[in-house]
Amino acid sequence: MPPALVFGPVPSRRLGRSIGINNIPPKICSYACVYCQVGPTMDRATEVQGFYEPQRVADEVAAHVTRVRDRGEDIDYLTFVPDGEPTLDAGLDATIRLLRPLGVPIAIITNGSTLWRADVRETLDGVDWVSVKVDAAIEETWRRVNRPAPELDFAVVLDGIQRFAAAFNGDLVSETMLVAGMNDGAESIRAVGSFLHEAGFTRSYLSIPTRPTPFAAITTPDEETVNRAFHELAEYVPQVEYLVGYEGDEFASSGDPREDLLSVIAVHPMRSSAVHELLDRTGAGWTIVEDLIADGSLIETSYRSDTFYVRRFSHVRGPSPDPD
């Protein structure tokens, strides 16, 4: 069966209820990331080329949107999140223009490797929300984690991301996937933070592998390492959040202090003082925290002499990858 061109809506903390658009056949990408949940890259491509006719994609999206709306469901975004790198699609600009009459904001999740091209930057100027992958700002780490196509030049890729960030008028975020022992060290995180700061990013997401990866040796950093990475990145980027597979309900009060606490901590670690304040507002006691630690939902850790509470990531991870 060929992959579906349209799917969803799926819940997303970043994008609400999003309909996914799969405009790239599997697995055509400029990277072969060690953690990719789609699987090994079969064709590391860097040339923009045609895949599906823009009218076909737009027609399938329009039909799907109609079905979803007929069921009374909301749609917040149409998101290009395919089985490869979406900006390798020569028909992307035409598809975006054909989708505009649907009246739904458009998002794209890209690895940023083609943003050195002026035509790609111009195409993405026509969307509302863009996420750019920045897993590394040190070339050796970039090659180890992202395993780019050989013809890609690291300095050119970073320059393209900076050029796009400087000109883009929509919502722009970055995403960094942390892989244990590869890019989760202090030097790597600070290099990423410095680059994002210089490029003008104001929101960044930290991710960890939560689904099977192409390589069995790929592991998730522990909670203390991710907590440290969070705070180090926050020294450079004003708003940093976790993106670890738990959607939660952000900061909305559910009336249940336990769920409120878990929802906030799923987004970012909380200082002990902030946890006390949240529980005081709801009239709840510290036994909630003790119970969550006891059942494995939270762990207590520290950073620069402060005590923090973080989600235990094993609760949000998917199945382990099969051995190679």
C-alpha atoms as a PDB file:
ATOM      1  CA  MET A   1       0.000   0.000   0.000  1.00  0.00           C
ATOM      2  CA  PRO A   2       1.390   3.466  -0.865  1.00  0.00           C
ATOM      3  CA  PRO A   3       1.595   5.833   2.113  1.00  0.00           C
ATOM      4  CA  ALA A   4      -1.422   8.045   2.728  1.00  0.00           C
ATOM      5  CA  LEU A   5      -0.943  11.610   1.551  1.00  0.00           C
ATOM      6  CA  VAL A   6      -3.179  12.984   4.312  1.00  0.00           C
ATOM      7  CA  PHE A   7      -3.820  11.837   7.890  1.00  0.00           C
ATOM      8  CA  GLY A   8      -5.287  13.107  11.154  1.00  0.00           C
ATOM      9  CA  PRO A   9      -6.187  15.299  12.788  1.00  0.00           C
ATOM     10  CA  VAL A  10      -3.695  14.365  15.478  1.00  0.00           C
ATOM     11  CA  PRO A  11      -3.286  16.214  18.809  1.00  0.00           C
ATOM     12  CA  SER A  12      -0.202  18.387  19.128  1.00  0.00           C
ATOM     13  CA  ARG A  13       0.833  20.632  21.990  1.00  0.00           C
ATOM     14  CA  ARG A  14       2.512  22.927  19.486  1.00  0.00           C
ATOM     15  CA  LEU A  15      -0.187  22.954  16.798  1.00  0.00           C
ATOM     16  CA  GLY A  16      -3.440  21.910  18.454  1.00  0.00           C
ATOM     17  CA  ARG A  17      -5.388  19.579  16.151  1.00  0.00           C
ATOM     18  CA  SER A  18      -3.260  19.134  13.062  1.00  0.00           C
ATOM     19  CA  ILE A  19      -3.925  17.399   9.741  1.00  0.00           C
ATOM     20  CA  GLY A  20      -0.694  15.897   8.431  1.00  0.00           C
ATOM     21  CA  ILE A  21       0.384  16.128   4.793  1.00  0.00           C
ATOM     22  CA  ASN A  22       2.786  13.467   3.542  1.00  0.00           C
ATOM     23  CA  ASN A  23       4.216  15.124   0.422  1.00  0.00           C
ATOM     24  CA  ILE A  24       7.454  13.059   0.224  1.00  0.00           C
ATOM     25  CA  PRO A  25       7.674   9.303  -0.524  1.00  0.00           C
ATOM     26  CA  PRO A  26       9.493   7.282   2.146  1.00  0.00           C
ATOM     27  CA  LYS A  27      12.300   7.743   2.864  1.00  0.00           C
ATOM     28  CA  ILE A  28      13.735  10.526   0.705  1.00  0.00           C
ATOM     29  CA  CYS A  29      15.646  12.929   2.907  1.00  0.00           C
ATOM     30  CA  SER A  30      18.857  14.934   2.996  1.00  0.00           C
ATOM     31  CA  TYR A  31      19.635  13.434   6.412  1.00  0.00           C
ATOM     32  CA  ALA A  32      19.832   9.889   7.744  1.00  0.00           C
ATOM     33  CA  CYS A  33      19.421  10.784  11.424  1.00  0.00           C
ATOM     34  CA  VAL A  34      20.416   8.038  13.833  1.00  0.00           C
ATOM     35  CA  TYR A  35      17.141   8.465  15.749  1.00  0.00           C
ATOM     36  CA  CYS A  36      14.639   8.806  12.873  1.00  0.00           C
ATOM     37  CA  GLN A  37      11.296   7.230  13.782  1.00  0.00           C
ATOM     38  CA  VAL A  38      10.377   6.783  10.100  1.00  0.00           C
ATOM     39  CA  GLY A  39      13.258   4.359   9.607  1.00  0.00           C
ATOM     40  CA  PRO A  40      16.538   4.282   7.660  1.00  0.00           C
ATOM     41  CA  THR A  41      16.950   6.800   4.843  1.00  0.00           C
ATOM     42  CA  MET A  42      16.943   4.883   1.579  1.00  0.00           C
ATOM     43  CA  ASP A  43      17.795   7.876  -0.614  1.00  0.00           C
ATOM     44  CA  ARG A  44      19.798  10.777   0.818  1.00  0.00           C
ATOM     45  CA  ALA A  45      18.758  13.482  -1.622  1.00  0.00           C
ATOM     46  CA  THR A  46      19.584  17.169  -1.727  1.00  0.00           C
ATOM     47  CA  GLU A  47      18.050  18.183  -5.055  1.00  0.00           C
ATOM     48  CA  VAL A  48      14.532  19.605  -5.094  1.00  0.00           C
ATOM     49  CA  GLN A  49      12.406  17.372  -7.333  1.00  0.00           C
ATOM     50  CA  GLY A  50       8.819  16.535  -8.213  1.00  0.00           C
ATOM     51  CA  PHE A  51       6.948  13.752  -6.406  1.00  0.00           C
ATOM     52  CA  TYR A  52       3.161  14.133  -6.294  1.00  0.00           C
ATOM     53  CA  GLU A  53       1.167  16.544  -8.436  1.00  0.00           C
ATOM     54  CA  PRO A  54       0.266  19.605  -6.307  1.00  0.00           C
ATOM     55  CA  GLN A  55      -3.357  19.464  -7.467  1.00  0.00           C
ATOM     56  CA  ARG A  56      -3.649  15.844  -6.353  1.00  0.00           C
ATOM     57  CA  VAL A  57      -2.253  16.654  -2.914  1.00  0.00           C
ATOM     58  CA  ALA A  58      -4.501  19.693  -2.553  1.00  0.00           C
ATOM     59  CA  ASP A  59      -7.586  17.744  -3.652  1.00  0.00           C
ATOM     60  CA  GLU A  60      -6.913  14.958  -1.150  1.00  0.00           C
ATOM     61  CA  VAL A  61      -6.330  17.460   1.645  1.00  0.00           C
ATOM     62  CA  ALA A  62      -9.518  19.363   0.760  1.00  0.00           C
ATOM     63  CA  ALA A  63     -11.574  16.167   0.752  1.00  0.00           C
ATOM     64  CA  HIS A  64     -10.099  15.128   4.102  1.00  0.00           C
ATOM     65  CA  VAL A  65     -10.781  18.554   5.608  1.00  0.00           C
ATOM     66  CA  THR A  66     -14.403  18.333   4.468  1.00  0.00           C
ATOM     67  CA  ARG A  67     -14.824  14.907   6.069  1.00  0.00           C
ATOM     68  CA  VAL A  68     -13.300  16.095   9.329  1.00  0.00           C
ATOM     69  CA  ARG A  69     -15.415  19.237   9.436  1.00  0.00           C
ATOM     70  CA  ASP A  70     -18.551  17.257   8.611  1.00  0.00           C
ATOM     71  CA  ARG A  71     -17.893  15.252  11.786  1.00  0.00           C
ATOM     72  CA  GLY A  72     -17.845  18.519  13.735  1.00  0.00           C
ATOM     73  CA  GLU A  73     -14.108  18.317  14.495  1.00  0.00           C
ATOM     74  CA  ASP A  74     -11.815  21.322  14.684  1.00  0.00           C
ATOM     75  CA  ILE A  75      -8.681  21.773  12.568  1.00  0.00           C
ATOM     76  CA  ASP A  76      -5.972  24.162  13.763  1.00  0.00           C
ATOM     77  CA  TYR A  77      -3.222  23.523  11.194  1.00  0.00           C
ATOM     78  CA  LEU A  78      -2.399  21.762   7.971  1.00  0.00           C
ATOM     79  CA  THR A  79       1.112  20.450   8.617  1.00  0.00           C
ATOM     80  CA  PHE A  80       3.671  19.215   6.097  1.00  0.00           C
ATOM     81  CA  VAL A  81       5.278  16.428   8.114  1.00  0.00           C
ATOM     82  CA  PRO A  82       6.099  13.701   5.568  1.00  0.00           C
ATOM     83  CA  ASP A  83       8.207  10.538   5.438  1.00  0.00           C
ATOM     84  CA  GLY A  84      11.183  12.635   4.321  1.00  0.00           C
ATOM     85  CA  GLU A  85      12.282  16.269   4.066  1.00  0.00           C
ATOM     86  CA  PRO A  86       9.253  18.323   2.901  1.00  0.00           C
ATOM     87  CA  THR A  87      11.250  21.092   1.236  1.00  0.00           C
ATOM     88  CA  LEU A  88      12.707  18.640  -1.314  1.00  0.00           C
ATOM     89  CA  ASP A  89       9.293  18.772  -3.027  1.00  0.00           C
ATOM     90  CA  ALA A  90       9.406  20.947  -6.171  1.00  0.00           C
ATOM     91  CA  GLY A  91       5.623  21.253  -5.971  1.00  0.00           C
ATOM     92  CA  LEU A  92       5.571  22.570  -2.395  1.00  0.00           C
ATOM     93  CA  ASP A  93       4.998  26.209  -3.315  1.00  0.00           C
ATOM     94  CA  ALA A  94       2.129  25.361  -5.693  1.00  0.00           C
ATOM     95  CA  THR A  95       0.569  23.025  -3.127  1.00  0.00           C
ATOM     96  CA  ILE A  96       0.666  25.710  -0.438  1.00  0.00           C
ATOM     97  CA  ARG A  97      -1.063  28.188  -2.766  1.00  0.00           C
ATOM     98  CA  LEU A  98      -3.760  25.614  -3.621  1.00  0.00           C
ATOM     99  CA  LEU A  99      -4.395  24.965   0.083  1.00  0.00           C
ATOM    100  CA  ARG A 100      -4.848  28.600   1.063  1.00  0.00           C
ATOM    101  CA  PRO A 101      -8.570  28.764   0.094  1.00  0.00           C
ATOM    102  CA  LEU A 102      -9.289  26.169   2.823  1.00  0.00           C
ATOM    103  CA  GLY A 103      -8.692  28.910   5.374  1.00  0.00           C
ATOM    104  CA  VAL A 104      -6.529  26.779   7.696  1.00  0.00           C
ATOM    105  CA  PRO A 105      -3.064  27.949   8.873  1.00  0.00           C
ATOM    106  CA  ILE A 106      -0.189  26.009   7.309  1.00  0.00           C
ATOM    107  CA  ALA A 107       2.845  24.607   9.145  1.00  0.00           C
ATOM    108  CA  ILE A 108       6.040  22.895   7.987  1.00  0.00           C
ATOM    109  CA  ILE A 109       8.527  20.845   9.990  1.00  0.00           C
ATOM    110  CA  THR A 110      11.918  20.916   8.232  1.00  0.00           C
ATOM    111  CA  ASN A 111      15.469  19.812   8.972  1.00  0.00           C
ATOM    112  CA  GLY A 112      16.682  23.149   7.586  1.00  0.00           C
ATOM    113  CA  SER A 113      19.192  21.592   5.192  1.00  0.00           C
ATOM    114  CA  THR A 114      17.723  23.288   2.100  1.00  0.00           C
ATOM    115  CA  LEU A 115      17.262  26.774   3.549  1.00  0.00           C
ATOM    116  CA  TRP A 116      20.470  27.906   1.860  1.00  0.00           C
ATOM    117  CA  ARG A 117      18.373  27.956  -1.335  1.00  0.00           C
ATOM    118  CA  ALA A 118      16.615  31.273  -1.955  1.00  0.00           C
ATOM    119  CA  ASP A 119      13.684  29.538  -3.667  1.00  0.00           C
ATOM    120  CA  VAL A 120      13.061  27.316  -0.632  1.00  0.00           C
ATOM    121  CA  ARG A 121      13.211  30.295   1.722  1.00  0.00           C
ATOM    122  CA  GLU A 122      10.736  32.116  -0.519  1.00  0.00           C
ATOM    123  CA  THR A 123       8.386  29.125  -0.505  1.00  0.00           C
ATOM    124  CA  LEU A 124       8.428  28.878   3.287  1.00  0.00           C
ATOM    125  CA  ASP A 125       7.714  32.597   3.558  1.00  0.00           C
ATOM    126  CA  GLY A 126       4.211  31.638   2.475  1.00  0.00           C
ATOM    127  CA  VAL A 127       3.431  29.507   5.542  1.00  0.00           C
ATOM    128  CA  ASP A 128       2.328  30.451   9.036  1.00  0.00           C
ATOM    129  CA  TRP A 129       4.474  28.274  11.308  1.00  0.00           C
ATOM    130  CA  VAL A 130       7.877  26.667  10.730  1.00  0.00           C
ATOM    131  CA  SER A 131       9.904  24.341  12.927  1.00  0.00           C
ATOM    132  CA  VAL A 132      13.600  23.982  12.056  1.00  0.00           C
ATOM    133  CA  LYS A 133      15.688  21.075  13.313  1.00  0.00           C
ATOM    134  CA  VAL A 134      18.944  22.147  14.960  1.00  0.00           C
ATOM    135  CA  ASP A 135      20.418  19.063  16.620  1.00  0.00           C
ATOM    136  CA  ALA A 136      23.979  20.327  16.530  1.00  0.00           C
ATOM    137  CA  ALA A 137      26.010  23.468  15.879  1.00  0.00           C
ATOM    138  CA  ILE A 138      29.340  21.635  15.876  1.00  0.00           C
ATOM    139  CA  GLU A 139      30.129  19.970  12.555  1.00  0.00           C
ATOM    140  CA  GLU A 140      31.467  16.699  13.958  1.00  0.00           C
ATOM    141  CA  THR A 141      28.341  16.272  16.075  1.00  0.00           C
ATOM    142  CA  TRP A 142      26.087  17.210  13.152  1.00  0.00           C
ATOM    143  CA  ARG A 143      27.647  14.543  10.958  1.00  0.00           C
ATOM    144  CA  ARG A 144      27.423  11.947  13.705  1.00  0.00           C
ATOM    145  CA  VAL A 145      23.792  12.593  14.687  1.00  0.00           C
ATOM    146  CA  ASN A 146      22.163  13.752  11.448  1.00  0.00           C
ATOM    147  CA  ARG A 147      24.407  11.865   8.989  1.00  0.00           C
ATOM    148  CA  PRO A 148      23.812  14.390   6.170  1.00  0.00           C
ATOM    149  CA  ALA A 149      24.248  13.719   2.480  1.00  0.00           C
ATOM    150  CA  PRO A 150      27.968  14.044   1.687  1.00  0.00           C
ATOM    151  CA  GLU A 151      27.517  17.057  -0.573  1.00  0.00           C
ATOM    152  CA  LEU A 152      25.946  19.183   2.170  1.00  0.00           C
ATOM    153  CA  ASP A 153      28.219  21.860   3.614  1.00  0.00           C
ATOM    154  CA  PHE A 154      27.758  22.487   7.341  1.00  0.00           C
ATOM    155  CA  ALA A 155      28.535  26.207   7.245  1.00  0.00           C
ATOM    156  CA  VAL A 156      26.204  26.699   4.287  1.00  0.00           C
ATOM    157  CA  VAL A 157      23.365  24.884   6.081  1.00  0.00           C
ATOM    158  CA  LEU A 158      23.742  27.032   9.207  1.00  0.00           C
ATOM    159  CA  ASP A 159      23.943  30.196   7.109  1.00  0.00           C
ATOM    160  CA  GLY A 160      20.736  29.216   5.320  1.00  0.00           C
ATOM    161  CA  ILE A 161      18.926  28.758   8.628  1.00  0.00           C
ATOM    162  CA  GLN A 162      20.141  32.153   9.817  1.00  0.00           C
ATOM    163  CA  ARG A 163      19.061  33.850   6.576  1.00  0.00           C
ATOM    164  CA  PHE A 164      15.609  32.302   6.828  1.00  0.00           C
ATOM    165  CA  ALA A 165      15.195  33.183  10.520  1.00  0.00           C
ATOM    166  CA  ALA A 166      16.147  36.793   9.839  1.00  0.00           C
ATOM    167  CA  ALA A 167      13.498  37.235   7.135  1.00  0.00           C
ATOM    168  CA  PHE A 168      10.605  34.989   8.207  1.00  0.00           C
ATOM    169  CA  ASN A 169       7.561  36.822   9.579  1.00  0.00           C
ATOM    170  CA  GLY A 170       5.541  33.844  10.811  1.00  0.00           C
ATOM    171  CA  ASP A 171       5.898  31.748  13.960  1.00  0.00           C
ATOM    172  CA  LEU A 172       9.378  30.217  14.039  1.00  0.00           C
ATOM    173  CA  VAL A 173      10.610  27.549  16.451  1.00  0.00           C
ATOM    174  CA  SER A 174      13.568  25.191  16.629  1.00  0.00           C
ATOM    175  CA  GLU A 175      13.702  21.573  17.720  1.00  0.00           C
ATOM    176  CA  THR A 176      16.678  19.686  19.105  1.00  0.00           C
ATOM    177  CA  MET A 177      16.616  15.913  19.530  1.00  0.00           C
ATOM    178  CA  LEU A 178      18.911  14.782  22.326  1.00  0.00           C
ATOM    179  CA  VAL A 179      20.693  11.459  21.862  1.00  0.00           C
ATOM    180  CA  ALA A 180      22.626  10.022  24.785  1.00  0.00           C
ATOM    181  CA  GLY A 181      26.369  10.374  24.397  1.00  0.00           C
ATOM    182  CA  MET A 182      26.136  12.184  21.073  1.00  0.00           C
ATOM    183  CA  ASN A 183      24.770  15.716  21.437  1.00  0.00           C
ATOM    184  CA  ASP A 184      23.599  15.958  25.052  1.00  0.00           C
ATOM    185  CA  GLY A 185      26.848  17.265  26.529  1.00  0.00           C
ATOM    186  CA  ALA A 186      27.291  20.817  27.804  1.00  0.00           C
ATOM    187  CA  GLU A 187      29.549  21.891  24.918  1.00  0.00           C
ATOM    188  CA  SER A 188      27.061  20.708  22.308  1.00  0.00           C
ATOM    189  CA  ILE A 189      24.053  22.298  24.022  1.00  0.00           C
ATOM    190  CA  ARG A 190      25.819  25.620  24.463  1.00  0.00           C
ATOM    191  CA  ALA A 191      26.861  25.638  20.820  1.00  0.00           C
ATOM    192  CA  VAL A 192      23.252  25.050  19.767  1.00  0.00           C
ATOM    193  CA  GLY A 193      22.042  27.740  22.166  1.00  0.00           C
ATOM    194  CA  SER A 194      24.586  30.264  20.917  1.00  0.00           C
ATOM    195  CA  PHE A 195      23.626  29.597  17.304  1.00  0.00           C
ATOM    196  CA  LEU A 196      19.893  29.886  18.013  1.00  0.00           C
ATOM    197  CA  HIS A 197      20.447  33.136  19.905  1.00  0.00           C
ATOM    198  CA  GLU A 198      22.480  34.638  17.082  1.00  0.00           C
ATOM    199  CA  ALA A 199      19.886  33.534  14.531  1.00  0.00           C
ATOM    200  CA  GLY A 200      17.100  35.177  16.529  1.00  0.00           C
ATOM    201  CA  PHE A 201      15.091  32.134  17.640  1.00  0.00           C
ATOM    202  CA  THR A 202      12.915  32.863  20.667  1.00  0.00           C
ATOM    203  CA  ARG A 203      11.296  29.451  21.192  1.00  0.00           C
ATOM    204  CA  SER A 204      12.987  26.074  21.222  1.00  0.00           C
ATOM    205  CA  TYR A 205      11.834  22.516  21.881  1.00  0.00           C
ATOM    206  CA  LEU A 206      13.947  19.731  23.352  1.00  0.00           C
ATOM    207  CA  SER A 207      13.025  16.213  22.250  1.00  0.00           C
ATOM    208  CA  ILE A 208      14.210  12.720  23.106  1.00  0.00           C
ATOM    209  CA  PRO A 209      13.772   9.487  21.120  1.00  0.00           C
ATOM    210  CA  THR A 210      10.437   7.983  22.133  1.00  0.00           C
ATOM    211  CA  ARG A 211       9.912   5.493  19.306  1.00  0.00           C
ATOM    212  CA  PRO A 212      11.956   2.765  17.628  1.00  0.00           C
ATOM    213  CA  THR A 213      15.105   4.066  15.919  1.00  0.00           C
ATOM    214  CA  PRO A 214      17.146   2.624  13.034  1.00  0.00           C
ATOM    215  CA  PHE A 215      19.953   1.664  15.413  1.00  0.00           C
ATOM    216  CA  ALA A 216      19.600  -0.376  18.583  1.00  0.00           C
ATOM    217  CA  ALA A 217      22.499   1.478  20.229  1.00  0.00           C
ATOM    218  CA  ILE A 218      20.600   4.793  20.223  1.00  0.00           C
ATOM    219  CA  THR A 219      19.421   5.603  23.738  1.00  0.00           C
ATOM    220  CA  THR A 220      17.576   8.373  25.536  1.00  0.00           C
ATOM    221  CA  PRO A 221      19.500  10.701  27.862  1.00  0.00           C
ATOM    222  CA  ASP A 222      18.533  10.347  31.499  1.00  0.00           C
ATOM    223  CA  GLU A 223      16.307  12.865  33.240  1.00  0.00           C
ATOM    224  CA  GLU A 224      19.155  14.705  34.959  1.00  0.00           C
ATOM    225  CA  THR A 225      20.969  15.194  31.653  1.00  0.00           C
ATOM    226  CA  VAL A 226      17.835  16.551  29.951  1.00  0.00           C
ATOM    227  CA  ASN A 227      17.140  18.840  32.913  1.00  0.00           C
ATOM    228  CA  ARG A 228      20.667  20.248  32.639  1.00  0.00           C
ATOM    229  CA  ALA A 229      20.301  20.659  28.863  1.00  0.00           C
ATOM    230  CA  PHE A 230      17.019  22.483  29.384  1.00  0.00           C
ATOM    231  CA  HIS A 231      18.596  25.058  31.703  1.00  0.00           C
ATOM    232  CA  GLU A 232      21.705  25.497  29.579  1.00  0.00           C
ATOM    233  CA  LEU A 233      19.629  26.114  26.457  1.00  0.00           C
ATOM    234  CA  ALA A 234      17.369  28.516  28.376  1.00  0.00           C
ATOM    235  CA  GLU A 235      20.392  30.749  28.940  1.00  0.00           C
ATOM    236  CA  TYR A 236      20.312  31.524  25.211  1.00  0.00           C
ATOM    237  CA  VAL A 237      16.663  31.112  24.138  1.00  0.00           C
ATOM    238  CA  PRO A 238      13.851  32.936  26.000  1.00  0.00           C
ATOM    239  CA  GLN A 239      11.333  30.086  25.818  1.00  0.00           C
ATOM    240  CA  VAL A 240      12.353  26.426  26.022  1.00  0.00           C
ATOM    241  CA  GLU A 241       9.970  23.482  26.332  1.00  0.00           C
ATOM    242  CA  TYR A 242      10.148  19.725  26.412  1.00  0.00           C
ATOM    243  CA  LEU A 243       8.637  17.770  23.558  1.00  0.00           C
ATOM    244  CA  VAL A 244       8.861  14.212  24.833  1.00  0.00           C
ATOM    245  CA  GLY A 245       5.766  12.457  23.528  1.00  0.00           C
ATOM    246  CA  TYR A 246       3.270  13.574  26.192  1.00  0.00           C
ATOM    247  CA  GLU A 247       0.758  16.098  24.938  1.00  0.00           C
ATOM    248  CA  GLY A 248      -0.925  16.901  28.261  1.00  0.00           C
ATOM    249  CA  ASP A 249      -3.209  19.912  28.523  1.00  0.00           C
ATOM    250  CA  GLU A 250      -0.517  22.579  28.887  1.00  0.00           C
ATOM    251  CA  PHE A 251      -1.250  24.887  31.796  1.00  0.00           C
ATOM    252  CA  ALA A 252      -5.022  24.672  31.936  1.00  0.00           C
ATOM    253  CA  SER A 253      -6.358  23.766  35.363  1.00  0.00           C
ATOM    254  CA  SER A 254      -8.219  20.497  35.378  1.00  0.00           C
ATOM    255  CA  GLY A 255      -9.318  20.761  38.971  1.00  0.00           C
ATOM    256  CA  ASP A 256      -7.078  17.776  39.690  1.00  0.00           C
ATOM    257  CA  PRO A 257      -3.792  18.928  41.319  1.00  0.00           C
ATOM    258  CA  ARG A 258      -2.041  15.685  40.378  1.00  0.00           C
ATOM    259  CA  GLU A 259      -2.869  16.064  36.678  1.00  0.00           C
ATOM    260  CA  ASP A 260      -2.113  19.797  36.730  1.00  0.00           C
ATOM    261  CA  LEU A 261       1.326  19.094  38.159  1.00  0.00           C
ATOM    262  CA  LEU A 262       2.095  16.365  35.621  1.00  0.00           C
ATOM    263  CA  SER A 263       0.899  18.540  32.737  1.00  0.00           C
ATOM    264  CA  VAL A 264       3.153  21.449  33.650  1.00  0.00           C
ATOM    265  CA  ILE A 265       6.176  19.238  34.312  1.00  0.00           C
ATOM    266  CA  ALA A 266       5.646  17.516  30.968  1.00  0.00           C
ATOM    267  CA  VAL A 267       6.441  20.903  29.384  1.00  0.00           C
ATOM    268  CA  HIS A 268       9.370  21.934  31.557  1.00  0.00           C
ATOM    269  CA  PRO A 269      10.994  21.045  34.906  1.00  0.00           C
ATOM    270  CA  MET A 270       9.635  22.796  37.980  1.00  0.00           C
ATOM    271  CA  ARG A 271      11.611  24.156  40.910  1.00  0.00           C
ATOM    272  CA  SER A 272      10.586  22.874  44.312  1.00  0.00           C
ATOM    273  CA  SER A 273       9.317  26.349  45.212  1.00  0.00           C
ATOM    274  CA  ALA A 274       7.092  26.452  42.121  1.00  0.00           C
ATOM    275  CA  VAL A 275       5.645  23.033  42.936  1.00  0.00           C
ATOM    276  CA  HIS A 276       4.856  24.199  46.473  1.00  0.00           C
ATOM    277  CA  GLU A 277       3.155  27.306  45.057  1.00  0.00           C
ATOM    278  CA  LEU A 278       1.035  25.289  42.627  1.00  0.00           C
ATOM    279  CA  LEU A 279      -0.058  22.874  45.338  1.00  0.00           C
ATOM    280  CA  ASP A 280      -0.813  25.719  47.763  1.00  0.00           C
ATOM    281  CA  ARG A 281      -3.108  27.351  45.197  1.00  0.00           C
ATOM    282  CA  THR A 282      -5.106  24.152  44.867  1.00  0.00           C
ATOM    283  CA  GLY A 283      -5.108  23.324  48.577  1.00  0.00           C
ATOM    284  CA  ALA A 284      -3.208  20.086  47.941  1.00  0.00           C
ATOM    285  CA  GLY A 285      -0.453  18.637  50.095  1.00  0.00           C
ATOM    286  CA  TRP A 286       3.107  17.528  49.360  1.00  0.00           C
ATOM    287  CA  THR A 287       2.025  13.901  49.582  1.00  0.00           C
ATOM    288  CA  ILE A 288       1.001  14.194  45.904  1.00  0.00           C
ATOM    289  CA  VAL A 289       4.651  14.712  44.962  1.00  0.00           C
ATOM    290  CA  GLU A 290       5.768  11.884  47.221  1.00  0.00           C
ATOM    291  CA  ASP A 291       3.198   9.562  45.638  1.00  0.00           C
ATOM    292  CA  LEU A 292       4.261  10.535  42.090  1.00  0.00           C
ATOM    293  CA  ILE A 293       7.881   9.834  42.950  1.00  0.00           C
ATOM    294  CA  ALA A 294       6.914   6.535  44.536  1.00  0.00           C
ATOM    295  CA  ASP A 295       4.941   5.357  41.487  1.00  0.00           C
ATOM    296  CA  GLY A 296       7.742   6.394  39.109  1.00  0.00           C
ATOM    297  CA  SER A 297       5.981   9.326  37.428  1.00  0.00           C
ATOM    298  CA  LEU A 298       8.412  11.979  38.721  1.00  0.00           C
ATOM    299  CA  ILE A 299      12.011  12.132  39.809  1.00  0.00           C
ATOM    300  CA  GLU A 300      13.779  14.686  41.958  1.00  0.00           C
ATOM    301  CA  THR A 301      16.982  16.159  40.555  1.00  0.00           C
ATOM    302  CA  SER A 302      19.099  19.271  40.951  1.00  0.00           C
ATOM    303  CA  TYR A 303      20.712  21.989  38.878  1.00  0.00           C
ATOM    304  CA  ARG A 304      22.953  24.754  40.259  1.00  0.00           C
ATOM    305  CA  SER A 305      21.885  24.059  43.854  1.00  0.00           C
ATOM    306  CA  ASP A 306      18.133  24.211  43.061  1.00  0.00           C
ATOM    307  CA  THR A 307      15.893  21.166  43.392  1.00  0.00           C
ATOM    308  CA  PHE A 308      13.756  20.346  40.352  1.00  0.00           C
ATOM    309  CA  TYR A 309      11.037  17.813  39.565  1.00  0.00           C
ATOM    310  CA  VAL A 310      10.909  16.256  36.090  1.00  0.00           C
ATOM    311  CA  ARG A 311       8.830  13.617  34.335  1.00  0.00           C
ATOM    312  CA  ARG A 312      10.369  10.162  34.207  1.00  0.00           C
ATOM    313  CA  PHE A 313      10.872   9.711  30.486  1.00  0.00           C
ATOM    314  CA  SER A 314      10.499   5.941  30.583  1.00  0.00           C
ATOM    315  CA  HIS A 315       6.789   6.627  31.009  1.00  0.00           C
ATOM    316  CA  VAL A 316       6.584   8.312  27.610  1.00  0.00           C
ATOM    317  CA  ARG A 317       8.951   6.169  25.577  1.00  0.00           C
ATOM    318  CA  GLY A 318       7.769   3.814  22.907  1.00  0.00           C
ATOM    319  CA  PRO A 319       8.926   0.223  22.384  1.00  0.00           C
ATOM    320  CA  SER A 320      12.631  -0.459  22.181  1.00  0.00           C
ATOM    321  CA  PRO A 321      14.111  -0.743  18.679  1.00  0.00           C
ATOM    322  CA  ASP A 322      14.810  -4.212  17.369  1.00  0.00           C
ATOM    323  CA  PRO A 323      18.471  -5.222  17.281  1.00  0.00           C
ATOM    324  CA  ASP A 324      20.297  -4.605  13.997  1.00  0.00           C
END
